[in-house]
Amino acid sequence: MKKGYLLLIVALVAALGAQSYALTVEEIIDKNIQAKGGVEKLKAVMSKKMRGRTLVQGVELPFTIYQKRPSLFRMEATMGGQTVVQAYDGETAWAILPGSTGKPQKMPSMQAKAFRTQADFDGPLVGYEEAGFAAELVGKEKMDGSDVYHLKLTTTNDSLRAAVGDFITHIYLDAKSFLECKITIEGQTGGTVFKVDSYPVDYKEVGGIVIAHSIETKMGDQTVSRMVYDKIETNVDIDDSVFKMPGEKGKEQKTGKE
C-alpha cells in the first residue's frame, strides 16, 4: 500500500513539473516572433517588394507585390496579356480586373473587408492584442509526424488588422522552429461557409527577417494556388501613389516599376 501511495505522489509531482514547464500562448507567440528576427528587426522593415509566380489551375502567372507600412498593399499579376491589379491604400480597396471596363473599381464591401487583411504588414501574431485579436492555445498536436502548436485567433473588435469580422484563424507553429507551417481561415461570407488552408514553406532570411518563399493554398483537398517568391526586397523606396486608386483626389497613378 505504501508503495502505491509513493508511486501516486511521484506521478503527481511529475505531472505538476511538466505543467510548470509547459509554454503559455504568450511564450509561444514570442518564440514565433523571435524566430522571424525579433520585434525590432521586424519593425525596422518599412516596405517590401516581392516578385514571383503563382500557379492557378495549371496556369503560371507572374506577379509583383508592393507593401508599405502602416497598411498599404498592391498586387499586380499578368493574365492573358492583361495586368490584374488589386490594391488597398489604407482606406479604399480597389481592383482592375480583366473582362471589366479596364477601369479601376472599388471592391464590394465584403470583398474589401477580407482583402484588408492582406495589408497586414507583420501578420496577426505581432501585437495581436492591440490589433484586435484574442489568442488561445488549442494544444500541441501532430502534423505529418511532427509536433505543432495549434493557436486559435478570434476577433475582439473591427480594427484594421482584425477586419475579417467573425472569421476564425488557426495558426499551426512547428514545435522546433516556431515558424508557421499551416494557417487556416474559416468563416462565413454571403451566407456561404468556407475554410481555406495555407502552407508556408521554404523560409529564408531577407533583410534581417525570416520570410516564407513558397505558399500553397487549399480549399478542402484541392490546391487553389501555389505562390513562389523569386525575389524579395525590403526597405525599398515606394511612393504612396502606387497604392492610390487612379483618378482619386486628382493624383496620378504610378506603377512603381523600375
Foldseek 3Di string as FASTA:
>chain_A
DVVVVVVVVVVVVVVVVVVVPDDFPVRLLQLQCVLFQHDVQLVVFFKKKFWWWKAAPNDIWTKIWIAGPPFWIWMWIADPNDIWIWIDLPDFTWIQDPPDPRAIDTDPPLVRLVVLLVSHSRDCSVVVVVQFKDKDFPDWDADPRFIWTKMKIAGRDCHSNNSNHGKIKIFIAGPPSSHTQKIKIWDDDPNDTFIKMKGFDDWDDASSTIDGQKIWMDTPPDTRMIIGTPDMHTPDDDDSLCRDRPPPPPDHHDPRDD
